Amino acid sequence: MTKRQQTVKFEVILLKLAAGWCVHVSLPHGHETQIGEFRSEAEARSWIAERSAQWLKEYDGGKYA
């Protein structure tokens, strides 16, 4: 039997009730969270590219890194 790989997904989302963007994070086992309120889609994508790996190491004791 093979073990299914647990993945983390980062997705840029336009906020509906506020001006701006956020990063929606889907974690294994159905856990989800949102990061920040970014001024632009590009800023949110930049956060994913530059800071998401470090955020994963720090979030919830690093258990998703």
PDB file of N, CA and C in Angstrom:
ATOM      1  N   MET A   1       0.842  -1.167   0.000  1.00  0.00           N
ATOM      2  CA  MET A   1       0.000   0.000   0.000  1.00  0.00           C
ATOM      3  C   MET A   1       0.894   1.238   0.000  1.00  0.00           C
ATOM      4  N   THR A   2       0.571   2.214  -0.836  1.00  0.00           N
ATOM      5  CA  THR A   2       1.362   3.438  -0.904  1.00  0.00           C
ATOM      6  C   THR A   2       0.728   4.522  -0.045  1.00  0.00           C
ATOM      7  N   LYS A   3       1.590   5.315   0.547  1.00  0.00           N
ATOM      8  CA  LYS A   3       1.111   6.419   1.372  1.00  0.00           C
ATOM      9  C   LYS A   3       0.871   7.636   0.482  1.00  0.00           C
ATOM     10  N   ARG A   4      -0.310   8.218   0.563  1.00  0.00           N
ATOM     11  CA  ARG A   4      -0.643   9.406  -0.216  1.00  0.00           C
ATOM     12  C   ARG A   4       0.110  10.610   0.339  1.00  0.00           C
ATOM     13  N   GLN A   5       0.768  11.341  -0.541  1.00  0.00           N
ATOM     14  CA  GLN A   5       1.541  12.502  -0.117  1.00  0.00           C
ATOM     15  C   GLN A   5       0.610  13.619   0.349  1.00  0.00           C
ATOM     16  N   GLN A   6       0.942  14.181   1.492  1.00  0.00           N
ATOM     17  CA  GLN A   6       0.190  15.306   2.022  1.00  0.00           C
ATOM     18  C   GLN A   6       0.742  16.578   1.391  1.00  0.00           C
ATOM     19  N   THR A   7      -0.119  17.416   0.851  1.00  0.00           N
ATOM     20  CA  THR A   7       0.348  18.626   0.200  1.00  0.00           C
ATOM     21  C   THR A   7      -0.252  19.864   0.856  1.00  0.00           C
ATOM     22  N   VAL A   8       0.453  20.961   0.674  1.00  0.00           N
ATOM     23  CA  VAL A   8       0.001  22.266   1.115  1.00  0.00           C
ATOM     24  C   VAL A   8      -0.201  23.102  -0.137  1.00  0.00           C
ATOM     25  N   LYS A   9      -1.347  23.777  -0.222  1.00  0.00           N
ATOM     26  CA  LYS A   9      -1.662  24.580  -1.399  1.00  0.00           C
ATOM     27  C   LYS A   9      -1.838  26.040  -0.988  1.00  0.00           C
ATOM     28  N   PHE A  10      -1.137  26.929  -1.706  1.00  0.00           N
ATOM     29  CA  PHE A  10      -1.268  28.368  -1.504  1.00  0.00           C
ATOM     30  C   PHE A  10      -2.015  28.938  -2.704  1.00  0.00           C
ATOM     31  N   GLU A  11      -3.040  29.744  -2.434  1.00  0.00           N
ATOM     32  CA  GLU A  11      -3.871  30.298  -3.502  1.00  0.00           C
ATOM     33  C   GLU A  11      -4.170  31.769  -3.203  1.00  0.00           C
ATOM     34  N   VAL A  12      -3.992  32.619  -4.206  1.00  0.00           N
ATOM     35  CA  VAL A  12      -4.279  34.041  -4.059  1.00  0.00           C
ATOM     36  C   VAL A  12      -5.776  34.262  -4.271  1.00  0.00           C
ATOM     37  N   ILE A  13      -6.401  34.986  -3.336  1.00  0.00           N
ATOM     38  CA  ILE A  13      -7.847  35.206  -3.355  1.00  0.00           C
ATOM     39  C   ILE A  13      -8.144  36.709  -3.261  1.00  0.00           C
ATOM     40  N   LEU A  14      -9.063  37.183  -4.096  1.00  0.00           N
ATOM     41  CA  LEU A  14      -9.545  38.556  -4.009  1.00  0.00           C
ATOM     42  C   LEU A  14     -10.553  38.639  -2.869  1.00  0.00           C
ATOM     43  N   LEU A  15     -10.345  39.565  -1.945  1.00  0.00           N
ATOM     44  CA  LEU A  15     -11.266  39.736  -0.831  1.00  0.00           C
ATOM     45  C   LEU A  15     -12.542  40.411  -1.319  1.00  0.00           C
ATOM     46  N   LYS A  16     -13.679  39.908  -0.914  1.00  0.00           N
ATOM     47  CA  LYS A  16     -14.955  40.460  -1.368  1.00  0.00           C
ATOM     48  C   LYS A  16     -15.439  41.623  -0.510  1.00  0.00           C
ATOM     49  N   LEU A  17     -15.202  41.559   0.783  1.00  0.00           N
ATOM     50  CA  LEU A  17     -15.739  42.575   1.684  1.00  0.00           C
ATOM     51  C   LEU A  17     -14.718  43.653   2.052  1.00  0.00           C
ATOM     52  N   ALA A  18     -13.502  43.490   1.607  1.00  0.00           N
ATOM     53  CA  ALA A  18     -12.455  44.480   1.888  1.00  0.00           C
ATOM     54  C   ALA A  18     -11.653  44.697   0.609  1.00  0.00           C
ATOM     55  N   ALA A  19     -11.013  45.830   0.527  1.00  0.00           N
ATOM     56  CA  ALA A  19     -10.188  46.105  -0.645  1.00  0.00           C
ATOM     57  C   ALA A  19      -8.858  45.385  -0.487  1.00  0.00           C
ATOM     58  N   GLY A  20      -8.572  44.473  -1.373  1.00  0.00           N
ATOM     59  CA  GLY A  20      -7.281  43.799  -1.330  1.00  0.00           C
ATOM     60  C   GLY A  20      -7.361  42.323  -1.630  1.00  0.00           C
ATOM     61  N   TRP A  21      -6.261  41.662  -1.335  1.00  0.00           N
ATOM     62  CA  TRP A  21      -6.069  40.249  -1.633  1.00  0.00           C
ATOM     63  C   TRP A  21      -5.546  39.536  -0.398  1.00  0.00           C
ATOM     64  N   CYS A  22      -5.720  38.208  -0.354  1.00  0.00           N
ATOM     65  CA  CYS A  22      -5.139  37.407   0.708  1.00  0.00           C
ATOM     66  C   CYS A  22      -4.590  36.121   0.098  1.00  0.00           C
ATOM     67  N   VAL A  23      -3.845  35.386   0.892  1.00  0.00           N
ATOM     68  CA  VAL A  23      -3.361  34.073   0.487  1.00  0.00           C
ATOM     69  C   VAL A  23      -4.131  33.047   1.302  1.00  0.00           C
ATOM     70  N   HIS A  24      -4.850  32.188   0.614  1.00  0.00           N
ATOM     71  CA  HIS A  24      -5.598  31.099   1.255  1.00  0.00           C
ATOM     72  C   HIS A  24      -4.681  29.878   1.275  1.00  0.00           C
ATOM     73  N   VAL A  25      -4.518  29.286   2.451  1.00  0.00           N
ATOM     74  CA  VAL A  25      -3.631  28.137   2.601  1.00  0.00           C
ATOM     75  C   VAL A  25      -4.474  26.914   2.945  1.00  0.00           C
ATOM     76  N   SER A  26      -4.377  25.885   2.107  1.00  0.00           N
ATOM     77  CA  SER A  26      -5.030  24.602   2.368  1.00  0.00           C
ATOM     78  C   SER A  26      -3.965  23.627   2.863  1.00  0.00           C
ATOM     79  N   LEU A  27      -4.150  23.169   4.075  1.00  0.00           N
ATOM     80  CA  LEU A  27      -3.196  22.262   4.711  1.00  0.00           C
ATOM     81  C   LEU A  27      -3.757  20.842   4.718  1.00  0.00           C
ATOM     82  N   PRO A  28      -2.903  19.837   4.954  1.00  0.00           N
ATOM     83  CA  PRO A  28      -3.393  18.458   5.017  1.00  0.00           C
ATOM     84  C   PRO A  28      -4.511  18.290   6.056  1.00  0.00           C
ATOM     85  N   HIS A  29      -5.311  17.290   5.842  1.00  0.00           N
ATOM     86  CA  HIS A  29      -6.400  16.909   6.747  1.00  0.00           C
ATOM     87  C   HIS A  29      -7.493  17.965   6.840  1.00  0.00           C
ATOM     88  N   GLY A  30      -7.631  18.798   5.797  1.00  0.00           N
ATOM     89  CA  GLY A  30      -8.720  19.759   5.742  1.00  0.00           C
ATOM     90  C   GLY A  30      -8.520  21.060   6.496  1.00  0.00           C
ATOM     91  N   HIS A  31      -7.354  21.249   7.086  1.00  0.00           N
ATOM     92  CA  HIS A  31      -7.082  22.503   7.792  1.00  0.00           C
ATOM     93  C   HIS A  31      -6.874  23.622   6.778  1.00  0.00           C
ATOM     94  N   GLU A  32      -7.404  24.806   7.082  1.00  0.00           N
ATOM     95  CA  GLU A  32      -7.266  25.969   6.200  1.00  0.00           C
ATOM     96  C   GLU A  32      -7.009  27.213   7.023  1.00  0.00           C
ATOM     97  N   THR A  33      -6.332  28.189   6.409  1.00  0.00           N
ATOM     98  CA  THR A  33      -6.096  29.482   7.046  1.00  0.00           C
ATOM     99  C   THR A  33      -5.872  30.525   5.963  1.00  0.00           C
ATOM    100  N   GLN A  34      -5.917  31.786   6.344  1.00  0.00           N
ATOM    101  CA  GLN A  34      -5.655  32.882   5.417  1.00  0.00           C
ATOM    102  C   GLN A  34      -4.526  33.743   5.953  1.00  0.00           C
ATOM    103  N   ILE A  35      -3.734  34.276   5.016  1.00  0.00           N
ATOM    104  CA  ILE A  35      -2.603  35.128   5.353  1.00  0.00           C
ATOM    105  C   ILE A  35      -2.871  36.530   4.838  1.00  0.00           C
ATOM    106  N   GLY A  36      -2.791  37.505   5.700  1.00  0.00           N
ATOM    107  CA  GLY A  36      -2.747  38.917   5.385  1.00  0.00           C
ATOM    108  C   GLY A  36      -3.817  39.514   4.502  1.00  0.00           C
ATOM    109  N   GLU A  37      -3.674  40.807   4.353  1.00  0.00           N
ATOM    110  CA  GLU A  37      -4.453  41.590   3.392  1.00  0.00           C
ATOM    111  C   GLU A  37      -3.434  42.339   2.547  1.00  0.00           C
ATOM    112  N   PHE A  38      -3.232  41.874   1.340  1.00  0.00           N
ATOM    113  CA  PHE A  38      -2.246  42.459   0.439  1.00  0.00           C
ATOM    114  C   PHE A  38      -2.923  43.488  -0.454  1.00  0.00           C
ATOM    115  N   ARG A  39      -2.183  44.507  -0.859  1.00  0.00           N
ATOM    116  CA  ARG A  39      -2.747  45.570  -1.692  1.00  0.00           C
ATOM    117  C   ARG A  39      -2.965  45.147  -3.138  1.00  0.00           C
ATOM    118  N   SER A  40      -2.220  44.137  -3.596  1.00  0.00           N
ATOM    119  CA  SER A  40      -2.354  43.706  -4.986  1.00  0.00           C
ATOM    120  C   SER A  40      -2.169  42.205  -5.096  1.00  0.00           C
ATOM    121  N   GLU A  41      -2.635  41.658  -6.202  1.00  0.00           N
ATOM    122  CA  GLU A  41      -2.442  40.237  -6.476  1.00  0.00           C
ATOM    123  C   GLU A  41      -0.947  39.928  -6.566  1.00  0.00           C
ATOM    124  N   ALA A  42      -0.195  40.821  -7.198  1.00  0.00           N
ATOM    125  CA  ALA A  42       1.248  40.622  -7.353  1.00  0.00           C
ATOM    126  C   ALA A  42       1.945  40.554  -5.991  1.00  0.00           C
ATOM    127  N   GLU A  43       1.524  41.403  -5.064  1.00  0.00           N
ATOM    128  CA  GLU A  43       2.107  41.393  -3.720  1.00  0.00           C
ATOM    129  C   GLU A  43       1.825  40.062  -3.020  1.00  0.00           C
ATOM    130  N   ALA A  44       0.611  39.539  -3.161  1.00  0.00           N
ATOM    131  CA  ALA A  44       0.259  38.253  -2.563  1.00  0.00           C
ATOM    132  C   ALA A  44       1.068  37.121  -3.193  1.00  0.00           C
ATOM    133  N   ARG A  45       1.219  37.141  -4.504  1.00  0.00           N
ATOM    134  CA  ARG A  45       2.015  36.109  -5.193  1.00  0.00           C
ATOM    135  C   ARG A  45       3.488  36.203  -4.790  1.00  0.00           C
ATOM    136  N   SER A  46       3.972  37.403  -4.590  1.00  0.00           N
ATOM    137  CA  SER A  46       5.343  37.593  -4.138  1.00  0.00           C
ATOM    138  C   SER A  46       5.540  36.987  -2.746  1.00  0.00           C
ATOM    139  N   TRP A  47       4.552  37.165  -1.867  1.00  0.00           N
ATOM    140  CA  TRP A  47       4.630  36.575  -0.532  1.00  0.00           C
ATOM    141  C   TRP A  47       4.744  35.059  -0.641  1.00  0.00           C
ATOM    142  N   ILE A  48       3.953  34.453  -1.525  1.00  0.00           N
ATOM    143  CA  ILE A  48       4.016  32.996  -1.700  1.00  0.00           C
ATOM    144  C   ILE A  48       5.416  32.588  -2.143  1.00  0.00           C
ATOM    145  N   ALA A  49       5.945  33.266  -3.156  1.00  0.00           N
ATOM    146  CA  ALA A  49       7.251  32.908  -3.703  1.00  0.00           C
ATOM    147  C   ALA A  49       8.386  33.118  -2.706  1.00  0.00           C
ATOM    148  N   GLU A  50       8.307  34.183  -1.916  1.00  0.00           N
ATOM    149  CA  GLU A  50       9.436  34.570  -1.083  1.00  0.00           C
ATOM    150  C   GLU A  50       9.326  34.168   0.390  1.00  0.00           C
ATOM    151  N   ARG A  51       8.104  33.989   0.897  1.00  0.00           N
ATOM    152  CA  ARG A  51       7.960  33.808   2.342  1.00  0.00           C
ATOM    153  C   ARG A  51       7.183  32.577   2.776  1.00  0.00           C
ATOM    154  N   SER A  52       6.501  31.918   1.849  1.00  0.00           N
ATOM    155  CA  SER A  52       5.641  30.798   2.253  1.00  0.00           C
ATOM    156  C   SER A  52       6.431  29.632   2.862  1.00  0.00           C
ATOM    157  N   ALA A  53       7.610  29.342   2.345  1.00  0.00           N
ATOM    158  CA  ALA A  53       8.403  28.229   2.892  1.00  0.00           C
ATOM    159  C   ALA A  53       8.778  28.498   4.348  1.00  0.00           C
ATOM    160  N   GLN A  54       9.215  29.709   4.642  1.00  0.00           N
ATOM    161  CA  GLN A  54       9.564  30.064   6.020  1.00  0.00           C
ATOM    162  C   GLN A  54       8.324  30.057   6.909  1.00  0.00           C
ATOM    163  N   TRP A  55       7.195  30.544   6.385  1.00  0.00           N
ATOM    164  CA  TRP A  55       5.947  30.548   7.148  1.00  0.00           C
ATOM    165  C   TRP A  55       5.573  29.114   7.543  1.00  0.00           C
ATOM    166  N   LEU A  56       5.723  28.169   6.597  1.00  0.00           N
ATOM    167  CA  LEU A  56       5.398  26.772   6.897  1.00  0.00           C
ATOM    168  C   LEU A  56       6.281  26.209   8.016  1.00  0.00           C
ATOM    169  N   LYS A  57       7.545  26.607   8.012  1.00  0.00           N
ATOM    170  CA  LYS A  57       8.464  26.126   9.065  1.00  0.00           C
ATOM    171  C   LYS A  57       8.054  26.641  10.438  1.00  0.00           C
ATOM    172  N   GLU A  58       7.426  27.808  10.483  1.00  0.00           N
ATOM    173  CA  GLU A  58       7.046  28.427  11.755  1.00  0.00           C
ATOM    174  C   GLU A  58       5.611  28.118  12.176  1.00  0.00           C
ATOM    175  N   TYR A  59       4.735  27.861  11.216  1.00  0.00           N
ATOM    176  CA  TYR A  59       3.312  27.666  11.511  1.00  0.00           C
ATOM    177  C   TYR A  59       3.085  26.336  12.227  1.00  0.00           C
ATOM    178  N   ASP A  60       2.364  26.376  13.302  1.00  0.00           N
ATOM    179  CA  ASP A  60       1.959  25.193  14.073  1.00  0.00           C
ATOM    180  C   ASP A  60       3.144  24.274  14.377  1.00  0.00           C
ATOM    181  N   GLY A  61       4.242  24.882  14.790  1.00  0.00           N
ATOM    182  CA  GLY A  61       5.424  24.099  15.180  1.00  0.00           C
ATOM    183  C   GLY A  61       6.151  23.460  14.009  1.00  0.00           C
ATOM    184  N   GLY A  62       5.844  23.877  12.796  1.00  0.00           N
ATOM    185  CA  GLY A  62       6.536  23.350  11.614  1.00  0.00           C
ATOM    186  C   GLY A  62       6.062  21.987  11.146  1.00  0.00           C
ATOM    187  N   LYS A  63       4.923  21.529  11.647  1.00  0.00           N
ATOM    188  CA  LYS A  63       4.506  20.160  11.308  1.00  0.00           C
ATOM    189  C   LYS A  63       4.061  19.990   9.857  1.00  0.00           C
ATOM    190  N   TYR A  64       3.895  21.076   9.105  1.00  0.00           N
ATOM    191  CA  TYR A  64       3.507  20.967   7.692  1.00  0.00           C
ATOM    192  C   TYR A  64       4.675  21.241   6.747  1.00  0.00           C
ATOM    193  N   ALA A  65       5.838  21.592   7.306  1.00  0.00           N
ATOM    194  CA  ALA A  65       7.007  21.925   6.466  1.00  0.00           C
ATOM    195  C   ALA A  65       7.638  20.673   5.899  1.00  0.00           C
TER     196      ALA A  65
END
